[in-house]
């Protein structure tokens, strides 16, 4: 479907007690990046560009990241647009 990144404002895309990590495996197998733990409570619904700057950690399968949203009021069909709707 063209999804490249999934961002979520909880600590994980998984169900709390999971042992199989189905959601992670499914997304990553399809080359969809996962950004967890976002703070979206003050984001106004709309279309945004995002910049995600992970801290690279050697031999790690994850990393903390700074994520910035930029409200996009011009051409909303460009690659990288995201929708904030909560």
C-alpha atoms as a PDB file:
ATOM      1  CA  UNK A   1       0.000   0.000   0.000  1.00  0.00           C
ATOM      2  CA  UNK A   2       3.033   2.284  -0.076  1.00  0.00           C
ATOM      3  CA  UNK A   3       3.386   2.702   3.702  1.00  0.00           C
ATOM      4  CA  UNK A   4       7.019   3.380   4.581  1.00  0.00           C
ATOM      5  CA  UNK A   5       6.828   4.389   8.256  1.00  0.00           C
ATOM      6  CA  UNK A   6       4.413   3.685  11.112  1.00  0.00           C
ATOM      7  CA  UNK A   7       4.545   6.054  14.077  1.00  0.00           C
ATOM      8  CA  UNK A   8       2.631   5.499  17.307  1.00  0.00           C
ATOM      9  CA  UNK A   9       2.311   7.387  20.585  1.00  0.00           C
ATOM     10  CA  UNK A  10       2.510   4.283  22.761  1.00  0.00           C
ATOM     11  CA  UNK A  11       5.641   2.409  23.794  1.00  0.00           C
ATOM     12  CA  UNK A  12       5.081  -0.375  21.269  1.00  0.00           C
ATOM     13  CA  UNK A  13       3.024  -1.310  18.222  1.00  0.00           C
ATOM     14  CA  UNK A  14       2.573  -4.707  19.888  1.00  0.00           C
ATOM     15  CA  UNK A  15      -0.050  -5.947  22.312  1.00  0.00           C
ATOM     16  CA  UNK A  16       1.272  -5.639  25.886  1.00  0.00           C
ATOM     17  CA  UNK A  17       2.014  -9.313  26.674  1.00  0.00           C
ATOM     18  CA  UNK A  18       3.193 -10.481  23.263  1.00  0.00           C
ATOM     19  CA  UNK A  19       5.838 -13.158  22.968  1.00  0.00           C
ATOM     20  CA  UNK A  20       5.854 -13.499  19.198  1.00  0.00           C
ATOM     21  CA  UNK A  21       6.193  -9.834  18.057  1.00  0.00           C
ATOM     22  CA  UNK A  22       3.940 -10.414  15.046  1.00  0.00           C
ATOM     23  CA  UNK A  23       3.362  -6.714  14.317  1.00  0.00           C
ATOM     24  CA  UNK A  24       7.079  -5.876  14.397  1.00  0.00           C
ATOM     25  CA  UNK A  25       7.944  -8.847  12.195  1.00  0.00           C
ATOM     26  CA  UNK A  26       5.178  -8.077   9.697  1.00  0.00           C
ATOM     27  CA  UNK A  27       6.097  -4.403   9.357  1.00  0.00           C
ATOM     28  CA  UNK A  28       9.852  -4.940   9.205  1.00  0.00           C
ATOM     29  CA  UNK A  29       9.520  -7.849   6.744  1.00  0.00           C
ATOM     30  CA  UNK A  30       7.700  -5.394   4.461  1.00  0.00           C
ATOM     31  CA  UNK A  31      10.417  -2.744   4.946  1.00  0.00           C
ATOM     32  CA  UNK A  32       8.126  -0.487   7.026  1.00  0.00           C
ATOM     33  CA  UNK A  33      10.042   1.458   9.672  1.00  0.00           C
ATOM     34  CA  UNK A  34       8.556   1.693  13.185  1.00  0.00           C
ATOM     35  CA  UNK A  35       8.704   4.810  15.356  1.00  0.00           C
ATOM     36  CA  UNK A  36       7.327   4.214  18.862  1.00  0.00           C
ATOM     37  CA  UNK A  37       6.787   6.429  21.879  1.00  0.00           C
ATOM     38  CA  UNK A  38       5.872   9.618  20.010  1.00  0.00           C
ATOM     39  CA  UNK A  39       4.237  12.450  21.950  1.00  0.00           C
ATOM     40  CA  UNK A  40       1.275  13.402  19.759  1.00  0.00           C
ATOM     41  CA  UNK A  41      -1.117  14.829  22.376  1.00  0.00           C
ATOM     42  CA  UNK A  42      -0.687  18.467  21.286  1.00  0.00           C
ATOM     43  CA  UNK A  43      -0.511  17.833  17.532  1.00  0.00           C
ATOM     44  CA  UNK A  44      -3.353  19.460  15.629  1.00  0.00           C
ATOM     45  CA  UNK A  45      -4.963  17.033  13.136  1.00  0.00           C
ATOM     46  CA  UNK A  46      -3.706  17.656   9.619  1.00  0.00           C
ATOM     47  CA  UNK A  47      -1.048  16.828   7.045  1.00  0.00           C
ATOM     48  CA  UNK A  48       2.616  17.034   8.012  1.00  0.00           C
ATOM     49  CA  UNK A  49       6.125  16.395   6.772  1.00  0.00           C
ATOM     50  CA  UNK A  50       8.288  14.601   9.295  1.00  0.00           C
ATOM     51  CA  UNK A  51      11.965  14.423  10.025  1.00  0.00           C
ATOM     52  CA  UNK A  52      13.200  11.456  12.060  1.00  0.00           C
ATOM     53  CA  UNK A  53      16.773  11.623  13.370  1.00  0.00           C
ATOM     54  CA  UNK A  54      17.742   8.354  15.110  1.00  0.00           C
ATOM     55  CA  UNK A  55      20.845   8.124  17.270  1.00  0.00           C
ATOM     56  CA  UNK A  56      22.855   5.334  15.667  1.00  0.00           C
ATOM     57  CA  UNK A  57      23.920   2.741  18.240  1.00  0.00           C
ATOM     58  CA  UNK A  58      26.402   0.099  17.123  1.00  0.00           C
ATOM     59  CA  UNK A  59      25.030  -3.482  17.110  1.00  0.00           C
ATOM     60  CA  UNK A  60      21.561  -2.308  18.148  1.00  0.00           C
ATOM     61  CA  UNK A  61      18.227  -3.227  16.576  1.00  0.00           C
ATOM     62  CA  UNK A  62      16.672   0.075  17.681  1.00  0.00           C
ATOM     63  CA  UNK A  63      17.613   3.589  18.712  1.00  0.00           C
ATOM     64  CA  UNK A  64      16.218   6.691  20.385  1.00  0.00           C
ATOM     65  CA  UNK A  65      15.229   9.335  17.852  1.00  0.00           C
ATOM     66  CA  UNK A  66      14.242  12.977  17.682  1.00  0.00           C
ATOM     67  CA  UNK A  67      11.164  13.349  15.464  1.00  0.00           C
ATOM     68  CA  UNK A  68       9.986  16.725  14.167  1.00  0.00           C
ATOM     69  CA  UNK A  69       6.670  17.450  12.432  1.00  0.00           C
ATOM     70  CA  UNK A  70       6.373  20.310   9.949  1.00  0.00           C
ATOM     71  CA  UNK A  71       2.852  21.295   8.999  1.00  0.00           C
ATOM     72  CA  UNK A  72       2.456  21.118   5.226  1.00  0.00           C
ATOM     73  CA  UNK A  73      -0.008  23.598   3.792  1.00  0.00           C
ATOM     74  CA  UNK A  74       1.091  23.393   0.158  1.00  0.00           C
ATOM     75  CA  UNK A  75       1.284  20.233  -1.959  1.00  0.00           C
ATOM     76  CA  UNK A  76      -0.040  17.427   0.274  1.00  0.00           C
ATOM     77  CA  UNK A  77       0.549  14.609  -2.220  1.00  0.00           C
ATOM     78  CA  UNK A  78       4.336  14.569  -1.910  1.00  0.00           C
ATOM     79  CA  UNK A  79       6.268  11.579  -0.596  1.00  0.00           C
ATOM     80  CA  UNK A  80       6.789  11.649   3.171  1.00  0.00           C
ATOM     81  CA  UNK A  81       3.453  13.253   4.070  1.00  0.00           C
ATOM     82  CA  UNK A  82       1.842  11.889   7.200  1.00  0.00           C
ATOM     83  CA  UNK A  83      -1.563  12.397   8.708  1.00  0.00           C
ATOM     84  CA  UNK A  84      -2.100  13.220  12.354  1.00  0.00           C
ATOM     85  CA  UNK A  85      -5.621  12.254  13.329  1.00  0.00           C
ATOM     86  CA  UNK A  86      -6.506  11.519  16.928  1.00  0.00           C
END
